[in-house]
N, C-alpha and C. Protein backbone atom coordinates (compact mmCIF):
# COMPACT_ATOMS: atom_id res chain seq x y z
N UNK A 1 74.62 15.07 -282.53
CA UNK A 1 75.29 16.64 -282.97
C UNK A 1 76.26 16.28 -283.59
N UNK A 2 76.31 17.81 -284.80
CA UNK A 2 76.75 18.05 -285.58
C UNK A 2 78.00 18.48 -285.57
N UNK A 3 79.32 17.92 -286.25
CA UNK A 3 80.49 18.47 -286.21
C UNK A 3 81.35 18.57 -287.80
N UNK A 4 82.53 19.12 -288.02
CA UNK A 4 83.11 19.72 -288.93
C UNK A 4 84.19 20.12 -288.49
N UNK A 5 85.44 19.51 -289.82
CA UNK A 5 86.35 19.76 -289.25
C UNK A 5 86.96 20.87 -290.55
N UNK A 6 88.04 21.66 -290.13
CA UNK A 6 88.23 22.03 -291.06
C UNK A 6 89.92 22.57 -291.07
N UNK A 7 90.77 22.27 -292.07
CA UNK A 7 92.45 23.01 -292.40
C UNK A 7 92.21 23.83 -292.82
N UNK A 8 93.37 24.94 -292.31
CA UNK A 8 93.80 25.77 -293.30
C UNK A 8 95.05 25.49 -293.56
N UNK A 9 96.00 25.69 -294.60
CA UNK A 9 97.35 25.71 -294.78
C UNK A 9 97.81 26.86 -294.40
N UNK A 10 98.39 26.94 -293.85
CA UNK A 10 99.64 28.18 -293.01
C UNK A 10 100.39 27.77 -292.29
N UNK A 11 101.70 28.85 -291.80
CA UNK A 11 102.82 28.32 -291.28
C UNK A 11 102.60 29.45 -290.42
N UNK A 12 101.34 30.36 -290.23
CA UNK A 12 100.98 31.47 -288.94
C UNK A 12 100.19 30.42 -288.45
N UNK A 13 99.89 29.72 -288.34
CA UNK A 13 99.05 29.30 -287.76
C UNK A 13 98.18 29.57 -285.91
N UNK A 14 99.43 29.08 -285.00
CA UNK A 14 99.81 29.57 -283.86
C UNK A 14 99.59 31.41 -283.86
N UNK A 15 99.67 32.16 -284.63
CA UNK A 15 99.68 33.43 -284.64
C UNK A 15 97.98 33.76 -284.51
N UNK A 16 97.50 33.24 -285.91
CA UNK A 16 96.18 33.58 -286.32
C UNK A 16 95.19 33.00 -285.15
N UNK A 17 95.24 31.70 -284.30
CA UNK A 17 94.56 31.08 -283.34
C UNK A 17 94.27 32.35 -282.14
N UNK A 18 95.74 32.52 -281.95
CA UNK A 18 95.92 33.56 -280.83
C UNK A 18 95.10 35.01 -281.06
N UNK A 19 95.25 35.31 -282.32
CA UNK A 19 94.18 36.37 -282.86
C UNK A 19 92.88 36.16 -282.80
N UNK A 20 92.28 35.54 -283.13
CA UNK A 20 91.45 34.72 -283.24
C UNK A 20 90.22 34.88 -281.96
N UNK A 21 91.24 34.04 -280.90
CA UNK A 21 90.81 33.56 -279.41
C UNK A 21 90.46 34.99 -278.71
N UNK A 22 92.09 36.12 -278.76
CA UNK A 22 91.58 37.17 -278.18
C UNK A 22 90.57 38.07 -278.48
N UNK A 23 90.25 38.06 -279.88
CA UNK A 23 88.84 38.77 -280.95
C UNK A 23 87.43 37.99 -280.12
N UNK A 24 87.20 37.18 -280.31
CA UNK A 24 85.87 36.45 -280.22
C UNK A 24 86.26 36.89 -278.03
N UNK A 25 87.29 36.43 -277.41
CA UNK A 25 87.18 36.64 -275.97
C UNK A 25 86.52 37.86 -275.69
N UNK A 26 85.73 38.99 -276.21
CA UNK A 26 85.42 40.01 -275.69
C UNK A 26 84.16 39.80 -275.33
N UNK A 27 83.22 38.91 -276.27
CA UNK A 27 82.31 38.28 -276.19
C UNK A 27 82.01 36.90 -276.01
N UNK A 28 82.84 36.15 -275.99
CA UNK A 28 82.72 34.41 -275.40
C UNK A 28 83.71 34.04 -274.47
N UNK A 29 83.49 32.58 -273.86
CA UNK A 29 84.18 32.44 -273.19
C UNK A 29 85.35 31.73 -273.84
N UNK A 30 86.81 31.84 -273.40
CA UNK A 30 87.39 31.38 -274.38
C UNK A 30 89.07 31.08 -273.77
N UNK A 31 89.41 30.26 -274.15
CA UNK A 31 90.78 29.56 -273.25
C UNK A 31 91.69 29.07 -274.35
N UNK A 32 93.32 29.90 -274.19
CA UNK A 32 94.28 29.38 -275.83
C UNK A 32 95.21 29.58 -274.99
N UNK A 33 96.19 28.92 -275.84
CA UNK A 33 97.88 28.91 -275.53
C UNK A 33 98.23 29.03 -276.81
N UNK A 34 99.64 28.77 -277.65
CA UNK A 34 100.05 29.23 -278.63
C UNK A 34 99.75 28.68 -279.55
N UNK A 35 99.56 27.18 -278.89
CA UNK A 35 99.27 25.73 -280.29
C UNK A 35 97.50 25.33 -280.02
N UNK A 36 97.11 25.82 -278.73
CA UNK A 36 95.39 25.21 -278.98
C UNK A 36 94.72 26.27 -278.10
N UNK A 37 93.46 26.31 -279.09
CA UNK A 37 92.48 27.26 -278.29
C UNK A 37 90.97 26.60 -278.64
N UNK A 38 89.92 27.44 -277.59
CA UNK A 38 88.91 26.80 -277.40
C UNK A 38 87.92 28.49 -277.11
N UNK A 39 86.81 28.39 -278.33
CA UNK A 39 85.95 29.45 -277.80
C UNK A 39 84.60 28.70 -277.88
N UNK A 40 83.34 28.97 -276.83
CA UNK A 40 82.52 28.81 -276.65
C UNK A 40 81.44 29.67 -276.98
N UNK A 41 80.87 29.57 -278.43
CA UNK A 41 79.78 30.28 -278.67
C UNK A 41 78.42 29.99 -278.07
N UNK A 42 77.22 30.60 -278.45
CA UNK A 42 76.51 30.35 -278.10
C UNK A 42 75.67 29.14 -278.49
N UNK A 43 75.86 28.40 -279.48
CA UNK A 43 75.30 27.57 -280.09
C UNK A 43 76.29 26.29 -280.36
N UNK A 44 77.61 26.83 -280.03
CA UNK A 44 78.46 25.67 -280.91
C UNK A 44 79.87 26.02 -279.73
N UNK A 45 81.09 24.83 -279.88
CA UNK A 45 82.19 25.01 -279.41
C UNK A 45 83.32 24.81 -280.69
N UNK A 46 83.82 25.83 -280.84
CA UNK A 46 84.85 25.83 -281.61
C UNK A 46 86.55 25.63 -281.35
N UNK A 47 87.24 24.65 -281.55
CA UNK A 47 88.24 23.82 -281.03
C UNK A 47 89.43 24.60 -282.64
N UNK A 48 90.82 24.91 -281.72
CA UNK A 48 90.96 25.07 -282.97
C UNK A 48 92.68 24.64 -282.28
N UNK A 49 93.34 23.67 -283.31
CA UNK A 49 95.37 23.59 -282.93
C UNK A 49 96.11 24.37 -284.03
N UNK A 50 97.26 24.19 -283.74
CA UNK A 50 98.00 25.19 -284.75
C UNK A 50 99.25 24.01 -284.92
N UNK A 51 99.97 23.71 -286.28
CA UNK A 51 101.19 22.91 -286.03
C UNK A 51 101.55 24.59 -286.77
N UNK A 52 103.12 23.75 -287.84
CA UNK A 52 103.97 24.41 -288.61
C UNK A 52 103.64 24.46 -289.59
N UNK A 53 102.22 24.09 -290.15
CA UNK A 53 101.86 24.34 -291.43
C UNK A 53 100.67 24.30 -291.47
N UNK A 54 99.68 24.08 -290.57
CA UNK A 54 98.50 24.84 -290.84
C UNK A 54 97.92 25.23 -289.42
N UNK A 55 96.24 25.62 -289.74
CA UNK A 55 95.32 25.98 -288.89
C UNK A 55 93.62 24.60 -288.51
N UNK A 56 94.01 23.73 -287.65
CA UNK A 56 92.53 22.92 -288.04
C UNK A 56 91.62 23.53 -287.10
N UNK A 57 90.62 23.42 -286.97
CA UNK A 57 89.07 23.95 -286.35
C UNK A 57 88.31 22.69 -286.88
N UNK A 58 88.02 22.88 -285.27
CA UNK A 58 86.49 21.62 -285.39
C UNK A 58 85.62 22.41 -284.26
N UNK A 59 84.29 22.06 -285.09
CA UNK A 59 83.02 22.93 -284.77
C UNK A 59 82.48 21.70 -284.39
N UNK A 60 81.57 21.88 -282.91
CA UNK A 60 80.28 21.03 -282.27
C UNK A 60 79.32 22.05 -281.85
N UNK A 61 77.98 21.15 -282.48
CA UNK A 61 77.10 21.68 -281.82
C UNK A 61 75.83 20.71 -282.20
N UNK A 62 74.59 21.05 -281.74
CA UNK A 62 73.87 20.25 -281.55
C UNK A 62 72.53 20.55 -283.07
N UNK A 63 73.35 21.59 -283.81
CA UNK A 63 72.49 21.35 -285.38
C UNK A 63 73.30 21.72 -286.43
N UNK A 64 72.78 21.18 -287.54
CA UNK A 64 73.90 21.29 -288.57
C UNK A 64 73.80 23.12 -289.38
N UNK A 65 72.75 23.74 -288.69
CA UNK A 65 72.82 24.86 -289.71
C UNK A 65 73.49 25.88 -288.42
N UNK A 66 73.95 25.34 -287.28
CA UNK A 66 74.83 26.52 -286.66
C UNK A 66 76.25 25.63 -286.76
N UNK A 67 76.47 24.75 -287.47
CA UNK A 67 77.41 24.82 -288.31
C UNK A 67 78.30 25.09 -289.60
N UNK A 68 77.11 25.06 -290.83
CA UNK A 68 77.19 25.52 -291.33
C UNK A 68 77.68 27.58 -291.16
N UNK A 69 76.99 28.21 -290.83
CA UNK A 69 77.43 29.59 -290.01
C UNK A 69 78.16 29.82 -289.48
N UNK A 70 79.02 28.54 -288.94
CA UNK A 70 79.95 28.69 -287.32
C UNK A 70 81.29 28.33 -288.88
N UNK A 71 81.62 27.71 -289.75
CA UNK A 71 81.86 27.34 -290.66
C UNK A 71 82.58 28.93 -291.89
N UNK A 72 81.59 29.64 -291.82
CA UNK A 72 81.51 30.71 -292.97
C UNK A 72 82.03 32.27 -291.85
N UNK A 73 82.27 31.95 -290.78
CA UNK A 73 81.99 32.89 -289.59
C UNK A 73 83.72 32.27 -289.39
N UNK A 74 84.11 31.19 -289.17
CA UNK A 74 85.29 30.90 -288.73
C UNK A 74 86.09 31.67 -290.17
N UNK A 75 85.91 31.56 -291.76
CA UNK A 75 86.82 31.54 -292.44
C UNK A 75 87.06 33.04 -292.54
N UNK A 76 85.95 33.55 -293.01
CA UNK A 76 85.99 34.91 -292.79
C UNK A 76 86.89 35.54 -292.03
N UNK A 77 86.99 35.34 -290.28
CA UNK A 77 87.09 36.03 -289.58
C UNK A 77 88.86 35.66 -290.04
N UNK A 78 89.38 34.93 -290.27
CA UNK A 78 90.99 33.40 -290.31
C UNK A 78 90.93 34.84 -291.37
N UNK A 79 90.23 34.86 -292.82
CA UNK A 79 91.30 35.71 -293.46
C UNK A 79 91.46 37.25 -293.53
N UNK A 80 90.44 37.83 -292.58
CA UNK A 80 91.01 39.04 -292.12
C UNK A 80 92.00 38.97 -291.35
N UNK A 81 92.65 38.27 -290.46
CA UNK A 81 93.94 38.39 -289.85
C UNK A 81 95.11 37.57 -290.54
N UNK A 82 94.66 37.15 -291.74
CA UNK A 82 95.83 36.55 -292.49
C UNK A 82 95.66 37.51 -293.81
N UNK A 83 95.43 38.66 -293.59
CA UNK A 83 94.86 39.47 -295.38
C UNK A 83 96.34 39.36 -295.98
N UNK A 84 97.46 39.28 -295.55
CA UNK A 84 98.56 38.48 -296.44
C UNK A 84 98.74 37.53 -297.29
N UNK A 85 97.66 36.76 -296.40
CA UNK A 85 97.95 35.31 -297.27
C UNK A 85 96.00 35.14 -297.94
N UNK A 86 95.50 35.68 -297.34
CA UNK A 86 94.34 35.62 -297.99
C UNK A 86 94.02 36.09 -299.09
N UNK A 87 92.77 35.10 -299.47
CA UNK A 87 91.90 33.83 -298.98
C UNK A 87 92.60 32.73 -298.31
N UNK A 88 93.22 32.52 -297.75
CA UNK A 88 93.37 30.94 -297.29
C UNK A 88 92.28 29.48 -297.78
N UNK A 89 92.72 28.57 -298.07
CA UNK A 89 92.22 27.51 -298.68
C UNK A 89 91.51 26.76 -297.32
N UNK A 90 90.75 26.97 -297.13
CA UNK A 90 89.94 26.35 -295.76
C UNK A 90 89.11 24.84 -296.21
N UNK A 91 90.14 23.78 -295.54
CA UNK A 91 89.01 22.67 -296.32
C UNK A 91 88.22 21.97 -295.64
N UNK A 92 87.32 21.98 -295.03
CA UNK A 92 86.05 21.19 -294.47
C UNK A 92 85.88 20.12 -295.05
N UNK A 93 85.81 19.17 -293.61
CA UNK A 93 85.26 17.89 -294.26
C UNK A 93 83.41 17.88 -293.73
N UNK A 94 83.03 16.98 -294.23
CA UNK A 94 81.67 16.87 -294.39
C UNK A 94 81.20 16.80 -292.89
N UNK A 95 79.84 17.56 -292.82
CA UNK A 95 79.86 17.19 -291.29
C UNK A 95 78.79 16.51 -291.33
N UNK A 96 79.07 16.01 -289.87
CA UNK A 96 78.40 14.73 -289.68
C UNK A 96 77.46 14.72 -288.56
N UNK A 97 76.39 13.92 -288.23
CA UNK A 97 75.46 13.96 -287.21
C UNK A 97 75.68 12.87 -286.31
N UNK A 98 75.85 12.56 -284.95
CA UNK A 98 75.66 11.69 -284.16
C UNK A 98 74.74 11.13 -283.39
């Protein structure tokens, strides 16, 4: 399994998490609250957690190519919703294979 963890510094993590989940909820299975959200993409699962100063995203999938594609997708969509702060400095950990 390939896993990538990313963190974007923002005081609006909860707001952006909810916006992202509502946006993707039109196409994919989504669950979310004010502080946690999960999106089930066809080839991966993205789990998000909002804190007072950041938005944490964990992407899990069976292949590295899907992780790389979704890292870019998540960051691009987040920047669209966070246009006043964009581009948000998204720090991704190295992708791991399990």
